[in-house]
C-alpha atoms as a PDB file:
ATOM      1  CA  MET A   1      -5.153 -13.270 -17.567  1.00  0.00           C
ATOM      2  CA  ALA A   2      -5.693 -16.630 -15.330  1.00  0.00           C
ATOM      3  CA  THR A   3      -4.775 -19.476 -16.984  1.00  0.00           C
ATOM      4  CA  LYS A   4      -4.448 -23.314 -16.249  1.00  0.00           C
ATOM      5  CA  GLN A   5      -0.421 -22.471 -15.197  1.00  0.00           C
ATOM      6  CA  ARG A   6      -1.816 -19.680 -13.038  1.00  0.00           C
ATOM      7  CA  PRO A   7      -5.519 -19.892 -12.471  1.00  0.00           C
ATOM      8  CA  PHE A   8      -5.741 -16.604 -10.066  1.00  0.00           C
ATOM      9  CA  HIS A   9      -5.680 -12.882 -10.901  1.00  0.00           C
ATOM     10  CA  LEU A  10      -5.168 -12.219  -7.485  1.00  0.00           C
ATOM     11  CA  VAL A  11      -4.009 -14.203  -4.183  1.00  0.00           C
ATOM     12  CA  VAL A  12      -4.126 -12.796  -1.110  1.00  0.00           C
ATOM     13  CA  PHE A  13      -1.463 -14.120   1.654  1.00  0.00           C
ATOM     14  CA  GLY A  14      -2.539 -14.353   5.432  1.00  0.00           C
ATOM     15  CA  ALA A  15      -6.046 -13.790   4.903  1.00  0.00           C
ATOM     16  CA  SER A  16      -6.928 -14.794   8.301  1.00  0.00           C
ATOM     17  CA  GLY A  17      -5.040 -11.985   9.649  1.00  0.00           C
ATOM     18  CA  PHE A  18      -6.313  -8.809  11.315  1.00  0.00           C
ATOM     19  CA  THR A  19      -5.334  -6.977   7.650  1.00  0.00           C
ATOM     20  CA  GLY A  20      -5.376  -9.489   5.448  1.00  0.00           C
ATOM     21  CA  GLN A  21      -9.530  -9.903   6.694  1.00  0.00           C
ATOM     22  CA  PHE A  22      -9.961  -6.093   5.050  1.00  0.00           C
ATOM     23  CA  VAL A  23      -8.018  -6.747   2.066  1.00  0.00           C
ATOM     24  CA  THR A  24      -9.986 -10.384   1.332  1.00  0.00           C
ATOM     25  CA  GLU A  25     -13.165  -8.014   1.748  1.00  0.00           C
ATOM     26  CA  GLU A  26     -11.551  -5.227  -0.443  1.00  0.00           C
ATOM     27  CA  VAL A  27     -10.877  -7.694  -3.288  1.00  0.00           C
ATOM     28  CA  ALA A  28     -14.450  -9.487  -3.276  1.00  0.00           C
ATOM     29  CA  ARG A  29     -15.987  -5.877  -3.076  1.00  0.00           C
ATOM     30  CA  GLU A  30     -13.594  -4.743  -6.527  1.00  0.00           C
ATOM     31  CA  GLN A  31     -15.356  -7.905  -8.267  1.00  0.00           C
ATOM     32  CA  MET A  32     -19.136  -7.020  -6.993  1.00  0.00           C
ATOM     33  CA  ASP A  33     -18.562  -3.530  -8.545  1.00  0.00           C
ATOM     34  CA  PRO A  34     -20.458  -3.182 -12.050  1.00  0.00           C
ATOM     35  CA  GLU A  35     -17.215  -1.158 -13.621  1.00  0.00           C
ATOM     36  CA  GLY A  36     -14.795  -3.650 -12.168  1.00  0.00           C
ATOM     37  CA  SER A  37     -13.471  -7.240 -13.032  1.00  0.00           C
ATOM     38  CA  SER A  38     -16.511  -9.456 -12.546  1.00  0.00           C
ATOM     39  CA  ARG A  39     -14.303 -12.216 -14.040  1.00  0.00           C
ATOM     40  CA  LEU A  40     -11.498 -11.708 -11.521  1.00  0.00           C
ATOM     41  CA  ALA A  41     -10.223 -15.377 -10.594  1.00  0.00           C
ATOM     42  CA  TRP A  42      -8.979 -14.619  -7.004  1.00  0.00           C
ATOM     43  CA  ALA A  43      -7.934 -16.669  -3.757  1.00  0.00           C
ATOM     44  CA  VAL A  44      -7.122 -16.371  -0.160  1.00  0.00           C
ATOM     45  CA  ALA A  45      -3.265 -18.378   1.019  1.00  0.00           C
ATOM     46  CA  GLY A  46      -2.450 -18.998   4.487  1.00  0.00           C
ATOM     47  CA  ARG A  47      -1.534 -22.261   7.206  1.00  0.00           C
ATOM     48  CA  CYS A  48      -5.243 -23.117   7.828  1.00  0.00           C
ATOM     49  CA  ARG A  49      -8.038 -23.671   5.522  1.00  0.00           C
ATOM     50  CA  GLU A  50     -10.897 -23.373   8.557  1.00  0.00           C
ATOM     51  CA  LYS A  51      -9.495 -19.705   9.078  1.00  0.00           C
ATOM     52  CA  LEU A  52      -9.544 -19.151   6.252  1.00  0.00           C
ATOM     53  CA  GLN A  53     -13.090 -20.233   5.108  1.00  0.00           C
ATOM     54  CA  ARG A  54     -14.047 -18.621   8.410  1.00  0.00           C
ATOM     55  CA  VAL A  55     -13.240 -15.624   6.523  1.00  0.00           C
ATOM     56  CA  LEU A  56     -14.830 -15.884   3.455  1.00  0.00           C
ATOM     57  CA  GLU A  57     -17.488 -16.530   5.245  1.00  0.00           C
ATOM     58  CA  ARG A  58     -17.847 -13.504   7.111  1.00  0.00           C
ATOM     59  CA  ALA A  59     -16.792 -11.167   4.203  1.00  0.00           C
ATOM     60  CA  ALA A  60     -19.420 -12.591   2.516  1.00  0.00           C
ATOM     61  CA  GLU A  61     -22.275 -12.168   5.161  1.00  0.00           C
ATOM     62  CA  LYS A  62     -20.975  -8.418   5.552  1.00  0.00           C
ATOM     63  CA  LEU A  63     -21.327  -8.103   1.330  1.00  0.00           C
ATOM     64  CA  GLY A  64     -24.480  -9.849   0.715  1.00  0.00           C
ATOM     65  CA  ARG A  65     -22.702 -12.848  -1.013  1.00  0.00           C
ATOM     66  CA  PRO A  66     -23.474 -16.476   0.083  1.00  0.00           C
ATOM     67  CA  THR A  67     -22.110 -17.800  -2.544  1.00  0.00           C
ATOM     68  CA  LEU A  68     -18.651 -15.787  -2.281  1.00  0.00           C
ATOM     69  CA  PRO A  69     -16.968 -18.917   0.148  1.00  0.00           C
ATOM     70  CA  THR A  70     -17.582 -21.170  -3.204  1.00  0.00           C
ATOM     71  CA  GLU A  71     -15.980 -19.025  -5.979  1.00  0.00           C
ATOM     72  CA  VAL A  72     -12.952 -18.325  -4.302  1.00  0.00           C
ATOM     73  CA  GLY A  73     -10.080 -20.397  -4.152  1.00  0.00           C
ATOM     74  CA  ILE A  74      -7.919 -21.434  -0.607  1.00  0.00           C
ATOM     75  CA  ILE A  75      -4.852 -22.229  -0.890  1.00  0.00           C
ATOM     76  CA  ILE A  76      -2.510 -23.516   2.026  1.00  0.00           C
ATOM     77  CA  CYS A  77       0.835 -22.226   2.435  1.00  0.00           C
ATOM     78  CA  ASP A  78       3.612 -21.512   5.226  1.00  0.00           C
ATOM     79  CA  ILE A  79       5.794 -18.873   5.449  1.00  0.00           C
ATOM     80  CA  SER A  80       8.871 -21.538   6.517  1.00  0.00           C
ATOM     81  CA  ASN A  81       7.504 -23.229   3.814  1.00  0.00           C
ATOM     82  CA  PRO A  82       9.600 -22.644   0.782  1.00  0.00           C
ATOM     83  CA  ALA A  83       7.882 -25.436  -1.128  1.00  0.00           C
ATOM     84  CA  SER A  84       4.404 -24.184  -0.035  1.00  0.00           C
ATOM     85  CA  LEU A  85       5.239 -20.456  -1.172  1.00  0.00           C
ATOM     86  CA  ASP A  86       6.689 -21.445  -4.529  1.00  0.00           C
ATOM     87  CA  GLU A  87       3.093 -23.340  -5.333  1.00  0.00           C
ATOM     88  CA  MET A  88       1.392 -20.258  -4.266  1.00  0.00           C
ATOM     89  CA  ALA A  89       3.153 -18.279  -6.043  1.00  0.00           C
ATOM     90  CA  LYS A  90       3.269 -20.277  -9.520  1.00  0.00           C
ATOM     91  CA  GLN A  91      -0.699 -20.243  -8.841  1.00  0.00           C
ATOM     92  CA  ALA A  92      -0.960 -16.629  -9.338  1.00  0.00           C
ATOM     93  CA  THR A  93      -0.521 -13.177 -11.549  1.00  0.00           C
ATOM     94  CA  ILE A  94      -0.270 -11.446  -8.347  1.00  0.00           C
ATOM     95  CA  VAL A  95       0.226 -12.022  -5.053  1.00  0.00           C
ATOM     96  CA  LEU A  96      -0.919  -9.694  -1.858  1.00  0.00           C
ATOM     97  CA  ASN A  97       1.121 -10.263   0.939  1.00  0.00           C
ATOM     98  CA  CYS A  98      -0.368  -9.253   4.487  1.00  0.00           C
ATOM     99  CA  VAL A  99       1.611 -11.048   6.484  1.00  0.00           C
ATOM    100  CA  GLY A 100       4.536  -8.635   8.325  1.00  0.00           C
ATOM    101  CA  PRO A 101       6.122  -7.564   9.984  1.00  0.00           C
ATOM    102  CA  TYR A 102       7.744  -7.370   6.461  1.00  0.00           C
ATOM    103  CA  ARG A 103      11.674  -7.823   8.056  1.00  0.00           C
ATOM    104  CA  PHE A 104      10.444 -10.924   9.425  1.00  0.00           C
ATOM    105  CA  TYR A 105       8.439 -12.709   7.069  1.00  0.00           C
ATOM    106  CA  GLY A 106       8.441 -10.522   4.195  1.00  0.00           C
ATOM    107  CA  GLU A 107      11.504 -12.204   2.214  1.00  0.00           C
ATOM    108  CA  PRO A 108      10.591 -15.500   1.498  1.00  0.00           C
ATOM    109  CA  VAL A 109       7.245 -14.201  -0.519  1.00  0.00           C
ATOM    110  CA  VAL A 110       9.197 -11.787  -2.598  1.00  0.00           C
ATOM    111  CA  LYS A 111      11.840 -14.881  -3.287  1.00  0.00           C
ATOM    112  CA  ALA A 112       9.093 -17.114  -4.407  1.00  0.00           C
ATOM    113  CA  CYS A 113       7.500 -14.557  -6.551  1.00  0.00           C
ATOM    114  CA  VAL A 114      10.800 -13.882  -8.168  1.00  0.00           C
ATOM    115  CA  GLU A 115      11.417 -16.805  -8.816  1.00  0.00           C
ATOM    116  CA  ASN A 116       8.300 -17.742 -10.146  1.00  0.00           C
ATOM    117  CA  GLY A 117       7.722 -15.161 -12.570  1.00  0.00           C
ATOM    118  CA  THR A 118       5.064 -13.641 -10.270  1.00  0.00           C
ATOM    119  CA  SER A 119       4.165 -10.080  -9.131  1.00  0.00           C
ATOM    120  CA  CYS A 120       3.835  -8.894  -5.710  1.00  0.00           C
ATOM    121  CA  ILE A 121       2.446  -6.116  -3.252  1.00  0.00           C
ATOM    122  CA  ASP A 122       2.951  -5.251   0.119  1.00  0.00           C
ATOM    123  CA  ILE A 123       1.721  -2.510   2.509  1.00  0.00           C
ATOM    124  CA  SER A 124       5.016  -2.515   4.187  1.00  0.00           C
ATOM    125  CA  GLY A 125       5.899   0.600   6.012  1.00  0.00           C
ATOM    126  CA  GLU A 126       9.728  -0.803   7.085  1.00  0.00           C
ATOM    127  CA  PRO A 127      12.374   1.338   5.107  1.00  0.00           C
ATOM    128  CA  HIS A 128      15.175  -1.097   6.005  1.00  0.00           C
ATOM    129  CA  PHE A 129      13.036  -4.137   4.361  1.00  0.00           C
ATOM    130  CA  LEU A 130      12.275  -1.899   1.076  1.00  0.00           C
ATOM    131  CA  GLU A 131      15.433  -1.192   0.244  1.00  0.00           C
ATOM    132  CA  LEU A 132      17.243  -4.511   0.853  1.00  0.00           C
ATOM    133  CA  MET A 133      14.800  -5.843  -1.308  1.00  0.00           C
ATOM    134  CA  TYR A 134      15.358  -3.378  -4.131  1.00  0.00           C
ATOM    135  CA  TRP A 135      19.316  -4.034  -3.447  1.00  0.00           C
ATOM    136  CA  LYS A 136      18.985  -8.084  -3.716  1.00  0.00           C
ATOM    137  CA  TYR A 137      15.949  -8.772  -6.268  1.00  0.00           C
ATOM    138  CA  HIS A 138      15.680  -5.736  -8.167  1.00  0.00           C
ATOM    139  CA  GLU A 139      18.300  -7.060 -11.096  1.00  0.00           C
ATOM    140  CA  LYS A 140      15.963 -10.718 -11.259  1.00  0.00           C
ATOM    141  CA  ALA A 141      12.916  -9.220 -11.146  1.00  0.00           C
ATOM    142  CA  ALA A 142      13.752  -7.305 -13.944  1.00  0.00           C
ATOM    143  CA  GLU A 143      14.950 -10.121 -15.652  1.00  0.00           C
ATOM    144  CA  LYS A 144      11.468 -12.215 -15.123  1.00  0.00           C
ATOM    145  CA  GLY A 145       9.630  -9.303 -15.705  1.00  0.00           C
ATOM    146  CA  VAL A 146       7.678  -8.819 -12.888  1.00  0.00           C
ATOM    147  CA  TYR A 147       7.013  -6.138 -10.106  1.00  0.00           C
ATOM    148  CA  ILE A 148       7.760  -6.002  -6.750  1.00  0.00           C
ATOM    149  CA  ILE A 149       5.758  -2.845  -5.429  1.00  0.00           C
ATOM    150  CA  GLY A 150       6.352  -2.266  -1.770  1.00  0.00           C
ATOM    151  CA  SER A 151       4.407   0.007   0.932  1.00  0.00           C
ATOM    152  CA  SER A 152       1.307   0.017  -1.588  1.00  0.00           C
ATOM    153  CA  GLY A 153      -0.939   1.294   1.616  1.00  0.00           C
ATOM    154  CA  PHE A 154      -1.458   4.343   3.485  1.00  0.00           C
ATOM    155  CA  ASP A 155       2.277   4.795   4.162  1.00  0.00           C
ATOM    156  CA  SER A 156       3.006   6.057   0.564  1.00  0.00           C
ATOM    157  CA  ILE A 157       0.218   5.480  -2.188  1.00  0.00           C
ATOM    158  CA  PRO A 158      -1.077   8.724  -0.635  1.00  0.00           C
ATOM    159  CA  ALA A 159       1.587  10.475  -0.192  1.00  0.00           C
ATOM    160  CA  ASP A 160       3.832   9.153  -3.157  1.00  0.00           C
ATOM    161  CA  MET A 161       0.578   9.760  -5.444  1.00  0.00           C
ATOM    162  CA  GLY A 162       0.154  13.050  -4.247  1.00  0.00           C
ATOM    163  CA  VAL A 163       3.427  14.145  -4.907  1.00  0.00           C
ATOM    164  CA  ILE A 164       2.838  12.699  -8.790  1.00  0.00           C
ATOM    165  CA  TYR A 165      -0.870  14.647  -8.560  1.00  0.00           C
ATOM    166  CA  THR A 166       0.434  18.143  -7.393  1.00  0.00           C
ATOM    167  CA  SER A 167       3.735  18.186  -9.295  1.00  0.00           C
ATOM    168  CA  SER A 168       1.527  17.132 -12.062  1.00  0.00           C
ATOM    169  CA  LYS A 169      -1.045  20.599 -11.688  1.00  0.00           C
ATOM    170  CA  ILE A 170       1.979  23.035 -11.495  1.00  0.00           C
ATOM    171  CA  ASN A 171       3.184  22.238 -14.928  1.00  0.00           C
ATOM    172  CA  GLY A 172       0.461  20.021 -16.611  1.00  0.00           C
ATOM    173  CA  THR A 173       3.616  17.554 -16.963  1.00  0.00           C
ATOM    174  CA  LEU A 174       4.911  14.815 -15.205  1.00  0.00           C
ATOM    175  CA  THR A 175       8.300  15.562 -16.339  1.00  0.00           C
ATOM    176  CA  ALA A 176       9.376  17.167 -12.782  1.00  0.00           C
ATOM    177  CA  VAL A 177       8.027  14.358 -11.348  1.00  0.00           C
ATOM    178  CA  GLU A 178       9.929  11.524 -13.854  1.00  0.00           C
ATOM    179  CA  SER A 179      13.134  13.178 -13.067  1.00  0.00           C
ATOM    180  CA  PHE A 180      12.542  12.921  -9.469  1.00  0.00           C
ATOM    181  CA  LEU A 181      11.809   8.764  -9.462  1.00  0.00           C
ATOM    182  CA  THR A 182      14.562   8.203 -12.293  1.00  0.00           C
ATOM    183  CA  ILE A 183      17.121  10.301 -11.249  1.00  0.00           C
ATOM    184  CA  ASN A 184      17.765  11.575 -14.502  1.00  0.00           C
ATOM    185  CA  SER A 185      19.089  15.467 -15.401  1.00  0.00           C
ATOM    186  CA  GLY A 186      15.927  18.139 -15.204  1.00  0.00           C
ATOM    187  CA  PRO A 187      14.168  20.004 -12.735  1.00  0.00           C
ATOM    188  CA  GLU A 188      14.426  18.259  -9.468  1.00  0.00           C
ATOM    189  CA  VAL A 189      11.353  17.550  -7.263  1.00  0.00           C
ATOM    190  CA  GLN A 190      12.260  18.255  -3.504  1.00  0.00           C
ATOM    191  CA  TYR A 191       9.779  16.748  -0.963  1.00  0.00           C
ATOM    192  CA  ALA A 192       9.671  17.060   2.949  1.00  0.00           C
ATOM    193  CA  ALA A 193       6.862  15.707   5.074  1.00  0.00           C
ATOM    194  CA  TYR A 194       5.611  17.385   7.874  1.00  0.00           C
ATOM    195  CA  VAL A 195       2.800  16.225  10.783  1.00  0.00           C
ATOM    196  CA  THR A 196       1.061  18.440  12.662  1.00  0.00           C
ATOM    197  CA  VAL A 197       0.603  18.384  16.362  1.00  0.00           C
ATOM    198  CA  GLY A 198      -2.367  20.068  17.903  1.00  0.00           C
ATOM    199  CA  GLY A 199      -0.620  22.794  20.201  1.00  0.00           C
ATOM    200  CA  PHE A 200       1.537  22.878  22.635  1.00  0.00           C
ATOM    201  CA  ALA A 201      -0.625  20.042  25.658  1.00  0.00           C
ATOM    202  CA  SER A 202      -0.185  17.463  22.783  1.00  0.00           C
ATOM    203  CA  VAL A 203       3.340  18.552  21.679  1.00  0.00           C
ATOM    204  CA  MET A 204       4.002  17.527  25.968  1.00  0.00           C
ATOM    205  CA  LYS A 205       1.827  14.448  25.811  1.00  0.00           C
ATOM    206  CA  LEU A 206       3.464  13.520  22.536  1.00  0.00           C
ATOM    207  CA  MET A 207       6.893  14.187  24.539  1.00  0.00           C
ATOM    208  CA  PHE A 208       5.976  12.272  27.751  1.00  0.00           C
ATOM    209  CA  ALA A 209       4.630   9.340  25.796  1.00  0.00           C
ATOM    210  CA  GLY A 210       7.951   8.837  23.560  1.00  0.00           C
ATOM    211  CA  LEU A 211       9.981   9.106  26.839  1.00  0.00           C
ATOM    212  CA  PHE A 212       7.771   6.472  28.513  1.00  0.00           C
ATOM    213  CA  PHE A 213       7.934   3.813  25.395  1.00  0.00           C
ATOM    214  CA  LEU A 214      12.211   4.814  25.123  1.00  0.00           C
ATOM    215  CA  LEU A 215      12.255   3.676  28.606  1.00  0.00           C
ATOM    216  CA  PHE A 216      10.415   0.529  28.447  1.00  0.00           C
ATOM    217  CA  VAL A 217      11.986  -0.384  25.207  1.00  0.00           C
ATOM    218  CA  LYS A 218      15.447  -0.209  26.653  1.00  0.00           C
ATOM    219  CA  PHE A 219      14.667  -3.253  29.156  1.00  0.00           C
ATOM    220  CA  GLY A 220      13.602  -6.834  28.510  1.00  0.00           C
ATOM    221  CA  ILE A 221      11.070  -6.717  30.901  1.00  0.00           C
ATOM    222  CA  GLY A 222      10.155  -3.594  30.054  1.00  0.00           C
ATOM    223  CA  ARG A 223       9.803  -5.095  26.002  1.00  0.00           C
ATOM    224  CA  GLN A 224       7.984  -8.052  27.613  1.00  0.00           C
ATOM    225  CA  LEU A 225       4.888  -5.340  29.243  1.00  0.00           C
ATOM    226  CA  LEU A 226       4.762  -3.134  26.435  1.00  0.00           C
ATOM    227  CA  ILE A 227       3.996  -6.460  24.265  1.00  0.00           C
ATOM    228  CA  LYS A 228       1.220  -8.519  26.542  1.00  0.00           C
ATOM    229  CA  PHE A 229       0.004  -4.874  27.924  1.00  0.00           C
ATOM    230  CA  PRO A 230      -0.275  -2.643  24.936  1.00  0.00           C
ATOM    231  CA  TRP A 231      -3.852  -1.056  25.986  1.00  0.00           C
ATOM    232  CA  LEU A 232      -2.498  -0.252  29.279  1.00  0.00           C
ATOM    233  CA  PHE A 233       0.706   1.255  28.236  1.00  0.00           C
ATOM    234  CA  SER A 234      -1.196   3.319  25.023  1.00  0.00           C
ATOM    235  CA  PHE A 235      -3.548   4.587  27.595  1.00  0.00           C
ATOM    236  CA  GLY A 236      -6.455   2.708  25.483  1.00  0.00           C
ATOM    237  CA  TYR A 237      -4.958   3.697  22.218  1.00  0.00           C
ATOM    238  CA  PHE A 238      -3.832   0.527  20.834  1.00  0.00           C
ATOM    239  CA  SER A 239      -4.525  -2.870  21.420  1.00  0.00           C
ATOM    240  CA  LYS A 240      -4.477  -6.748  20.581  1.00  0.00           C
ATOM    241  CA  GLN A 241      -7.915  -6.404  19.165  1.00  0.00           C
ATOM    242  CA  GLY A 242      -7.540  -4.126  16.459  1.00  0.00           C
ATOM    243  CA  PRO A 243     -10.334  -1.531  16.168  1.00  0.00           C
ATOM    244  CA  THR A 244     -14.018  -1.830  16.823  1.00  0.00           C
ATOM    245  CA  GLN A 245     -16.268  -0.654  13.500  1.00  0.00           C
ATOM    246  CA  LYS A 246     -17.249   2.163  14.999  1.00  0.00           C
ATOM    247  CA  GLN A 247     -13.736   3.696  15.341  1.00  0.00           C
ATOM    248  CA  LEU A 248     -13.046   2.752  12.238  1.00  0.00           C
ATOM    249  CA  ASP A 249     -16.241   4.319  10.908  1.00  0.00           C
ATOM    250  CA  GLY A 250     -15.333   7.612  13.009  1.00  0.00           C
ATOM    251  CA  THR A 251     -11.976   7.900  11.468  1.00  0.00           C
ATOM    252  CA  SER A 252     -10.558   9.689   8.381  1.00  0.00           C
ATOM    253  CA  PHE A 253      -7.090  10.859   7.211  1.00  0.00           C
ATOM    254  CA  THR A 254      -6.453  14.027   5.229  1.00  0.00           C
ATOM    255  CA  MET A 255      -2.658  14.907   3.611  1.00  0.00           C
ATOM    256  CA  THR A 256      -2.091  18.956   2.426  1.00  0.00           C
ATOM    257  CA  PHE A 257       0.524  19.033  -0.066  1.00  0.00           C
ATOM    258  CA  PHE A 258       2.023  22.505  -0.909  1.00  0.00           C
ATOM    259  CA  GLY A 259       3.796  22.987  -3.988  1.00  0.00           C
ATOM    260  CA  GLN A 260       5.892  25.459  -5.816  1.00  0.00           C
ATOM    261  CA  GLY A 261       7.674  25.436  -8.894  1.00  0.00           C
ATOM    262  CA  TYR A 262       7.767  26.290 -13.027  1.00  0.00           C
ATOM    263  CA  SER A 263       4.798  26.509 -15.005  1.00  0.00           C
ATOM    264  CA  HIS A 264       6.915  25.364 -18.160  1.00  0.00           C
ATOM    265  CA  SER A 265       9.338  22.405 -16.305  1.00  0.00           C
ATOM    266  CA  THR A 266      11.946  24.851 -16.613  1.00  0.00           C
ATOM    267  CA  PRO A 267      13.169  27.612 -14.609  1.00  0.00           C
ATOM    268  CA  THR A 268      12.650  31.068 -14.962  1.00  0.00           C
ATOM    269  CA  GLU A 269      14.425  34.309 -15.546  1.00  0.00           C
ATOM    270  CA  ASN A 270      15.462  35.075 -11.877  1.00  0.00           C
ATOM    271  CA  ASN A 271      15.185  31.441 -11.179  1.00  0.00           C
ATOM    272  CA  LYS A 272      13.002  31.434  -9.109  1.00  0.00           C
ATOM    273  CA  PRO A 273       9.384  29.132  -8.738  1.00  0.00           C
ATOM    274  CA  ASN A 274       6.082  31.336 -10.747  1.00  0.00           C
ATOM    275  CA  ILE A 275       3.420  29.258  -9.711  1.00  0.00           C
ATOM    276  CA  ARG A 276       2.642  27.801  -5.834  1.00  0.00           C
ATOM    277  CA  VAL A 277      -0.590  25.164  -5.558  1.00  0.00           C
ATOM    278  CA  CYS A 278      -2.251  23.618  -2.590  1.00  0.00           C
ATOM    279  CA  THR A 279      -3.390  19.841  -3.203  1.00  0.00           C
ATOM    280  CA  GLN A 280      -5.149  17.707  -0.769  1.00  0.00           C
ATOM    281  CA  VAL A 281      -6.065  13.745  -0.538  1.00  0.00           C
ATOM    282  CA  LYS A 282      -8.165  12.705   2.183  1.00  0.00           C
ATOM    283  CA  GLY A 283     -10.029   9.398   2.657  1.00  0.00           C
ATOM    284  CA  PRO A 284     -11.362   6.951   4.863  1.00  0.00           C
ATOM    285  CA  GLU A 285      -9.875   5.231   7.915  1.00  0.00           C
ATOM    286  CA  ALA A 286      -5.900   4.267   6.892  1.00  0.00           C
ATOM    287  CA  GLY A 287      -5.010   1.319   8.428  1.00  0.00           C
ATOM    288  CA  TYR A 288      -7.813  -1.133   7.547  1.00  0.00           C
ATOM    289  CA  ILE A 289      -9.896   1.056   5.213  1.00  0.00           C
ATOM    290  CA  ALA A 290      -7.704   3.203   2.896  1.00  0.00           C
ATOM    291  CA  THR A 291      -5.058   0.340   3.065  1.00  0.00           C
ATOM    292  CA  PRO A 292      -6.598  -2.503   1.693  1.00  0.00           C
ATOM    293  CA  ILE A 293      -8.263  -0.056  -1.173  1.00  0.00           C
ATOM    294  CA  ALA A 294      -4.772   1.126  -1.994  1.00  0.00           C
ATOM    295  CA  MET A 295      -3.670  -2.005  -2.117  1.00  0.00           C
ATOM    296  CA  VAL A 296      -6.756  -3.708  -4.049  1.00  0.00           C
ATOM    297  CA  GLN A 297      -6.508  -0.668  -6.395  1.00  0.00           C
ATOM    298  CA  ALA A 298      -2.841  -1.381  -6.750  1.00  0.00           C
ATOM    299  CA  ALA A 299      -3.367  -4.396  -7.910  1.00  0.00           C
ATOM    300  CA  MET A 300      -5.940  -3.729 -10.508  1.00  0.00           C
ATOM    301  CA  THR A 301      -3.853  -1.127 -12.237  1.00  0.00           C
ATOM    302  CA  LEU A 302      -0.562  -4.164 -12.604  1.00  0.00           C
ATOM    303  CA  LEU A 303      -3.273  -5.970 -14.284  1.00  0.00           C
ATOM    304  CA  ASN A 304      -5.564  -3.640 -16.215  1.00  0.00           C
ATOM    305  CA  ASP A 305      -2.896  -0.674 -16.827  1.00  0.00           C
ATOM    306  CA  ALA A 306       0.265  -2.881 -18.094  1.00  0.00           C
ATOM    307  CA  SER A 307       1.077  -0.537 -20.610  1.00  0.00           C
ATOM    308  CA  ASN A 308       1.683   2.696 -18.580  1.00  0.00           C
ATOM    309  CA  LEU A 309       3.807   0.617 -16.190  1.00  0.00           C
ATOM    310  CA  PRO A 310       7.954   0.806 -16.181  1.00  0.00           C
ATOM    311  CA  THR A 311       8.605  -0.910 -19.430  1.00  0.00           C
ATOM    312  CA  VAL A 312      10.834  -3.428 -17.523  1.00  0.00           C
ATOM    313  CA  GLY A 313       9.890  -5.226 -14.557  1.00  0.00           C
ATOM    314  CA  GLY A 314      12.246  -4.609 -10.676  1.00  0.00           C
ATOM    315  CA  VAL A 315      11.648  -3.278  -7.143  1.00  0.00           C
ATOM    316  CA  PHE A 316       9.522  -0.190  -7.179  1.00  0.00           C
ATOM    317  CA  THR A 317       8.159   1.950  -5.083  1.00  0.00           C
ATOM    318  CA  PRO A 318       4.047   3.246  -5.799  1.00  0.00           C
ATOM    319  CA  GLY A 319       4.895   6.329  -6.909  1.00  0.00           C
ATOM    320  CA  ALA A 320       8.285   5.165  -9.262  1.00  0.00           C
ATOM    321  CA  ALA A 321       5.623   2.253 -10.625  1.00  0.00           C
ATOM    322  CA  PHE A 322       2.538   3.885 -10.982  1.00  0.00           C
ATOM    323  CA  CYS A 323       3.090   8.074 -12.318  1.00  0.00           C
ATOM    324  CA  ARG A 324       2.119   7.076 -15.592  1.00  0.00           C
ATOM    325  CA  THR A 325      -1.037   5.131 -14.673  1.00  0.00           C
ATOM    326  CA  LYS A 326      -4.523   5.739 -14.067  1.00  0.00           C
ATOM    327  CA  LEU A 327      -4.386   4.912 -10.262  1.00  0.00           C
ATOM    328  CA  ILE A 328      -5.558   8.325  -8.777  1.00  0.00           C
ATOM    329  CA  ASP A 329      -8.317   7.810 -10.746  1.00  0.00           C
ATOM    330  CA  ARG A 330      -9.105   4.564  -9.412  1.00  0.00           C
ATOM    331  CA  LEU A 331      -8.644   5.744  -5.988  1.00  0.00           C
ATOM    332  CA  ASN A 332     -10.945   8.859  -6.318  1.00  0.00           C
ATOM    333  CA  LYS A 333     -13.840   5.998  -7.263  1.00  0.00           C
ATOM    334  CA  ARG A 334     -12.535   4.037  -4.325  1.00  0.00           C
ATOM    335  CA  GLY A 335     -13.001   7.247  -1.795  1.00  0.00           C
ATOM    336  CA  ILE A 336      -9.503   8.325  -1.339  1.00  0.00           C
ATOM    337  CA  GLU A 337      -9.933  11.732  -3.689  1.00  0.00           C
ATOM    338  CA  PHE A 338      -7.197  14.080  -4.622  1.00  0.00           C
ATOM    339  CA  SER A 339      -8.298  17.468  -5.285  1.00  0.00           C
ATOM    340  CA  VAL A 340      -6.749  21.102  -5.531  1.00  0.00           C
ATOM    341  CA  ILE A 341      -7.384  23.825  -3.315  1.00  0.00           C
ATOM    342  CA  SER A 342      -5.573  26.577  -4.525  1.00  0.00           C
ATOM    343  CA  SER A 343      -3.282  27.397  -7.276  1.00  0.00           C
ATOM    344  CA  SER A 344      -1.273  30.517  -8.458  1.00  0.00           C
ATOM    345  CA  GLU A 345       0.547  32.201 -10.197  1.00  0.00           C
ATOM    346  CA  VAL A 346       3.623  33.996  -7.821  1.00  0.00           C
END
């Protein structure tokens, strides 16, 4: 609930960045949902008021909401100014942190949120940063009763929630998943990820690109060239301008999960799994459409499904934070679809 002390449910920090603009649009879209939170109070935050205002104006034009720029708060703060981060955190229930790379810029935001009793969600896919935040801030966050949830974009939410969804379809409960997430005794969940590559020619292209990249990053001039001319050295795949709307509209993702286990959460007599399940998670373009959807729905779950979150705060992965919530239902309604492809007894 927004209060005089915390006037905003959500604050999008880094809203004028490339990803932040998409997150801003997604929060505005969530506010428009007839089944959503029309009273959602939110703000955008960053260094430049004019840029933040332009982001809101573009979102208003795209969504057909001319009054949007006057309905959303603007907070001026800078990652290099801890006092301004504190002021931002004090005004929010949840901060959506879109300022990366998180290895360099993420910790000041986490620190400000923990110290000021504010939950924080980011879209980092950086394992070192995520582990460091756990070791440095988990106990402090638990004491404050706030939730710091990392990697809440395409990097982890479809994968984490896909494992939970698949496991629940094997034995109908979350027992095995909770064991996996909390490192308790009980049936273990073993998980491995794979990426498919389309044939021998694709493998050779991938190896060549990897060697080419490795050669360049070994030398200072090579790194400078990669940063300055990403389009040239990635053969058109990457650019500083980001993808076009046409490219976004023509892209999608699919994750397929193959699971096997025990129908009643306990091993069979011969100790072999007796259930096999194939599930799928699919959705729109991963980086700038699915990621904002996942991030915003994670935030809405924090706001509206508190009774099913871990009983105390802390630093969590999405799976650990949301395994008992209705996040999967929320994602299904927003176009990130979870489905069972096949299920059979062995």
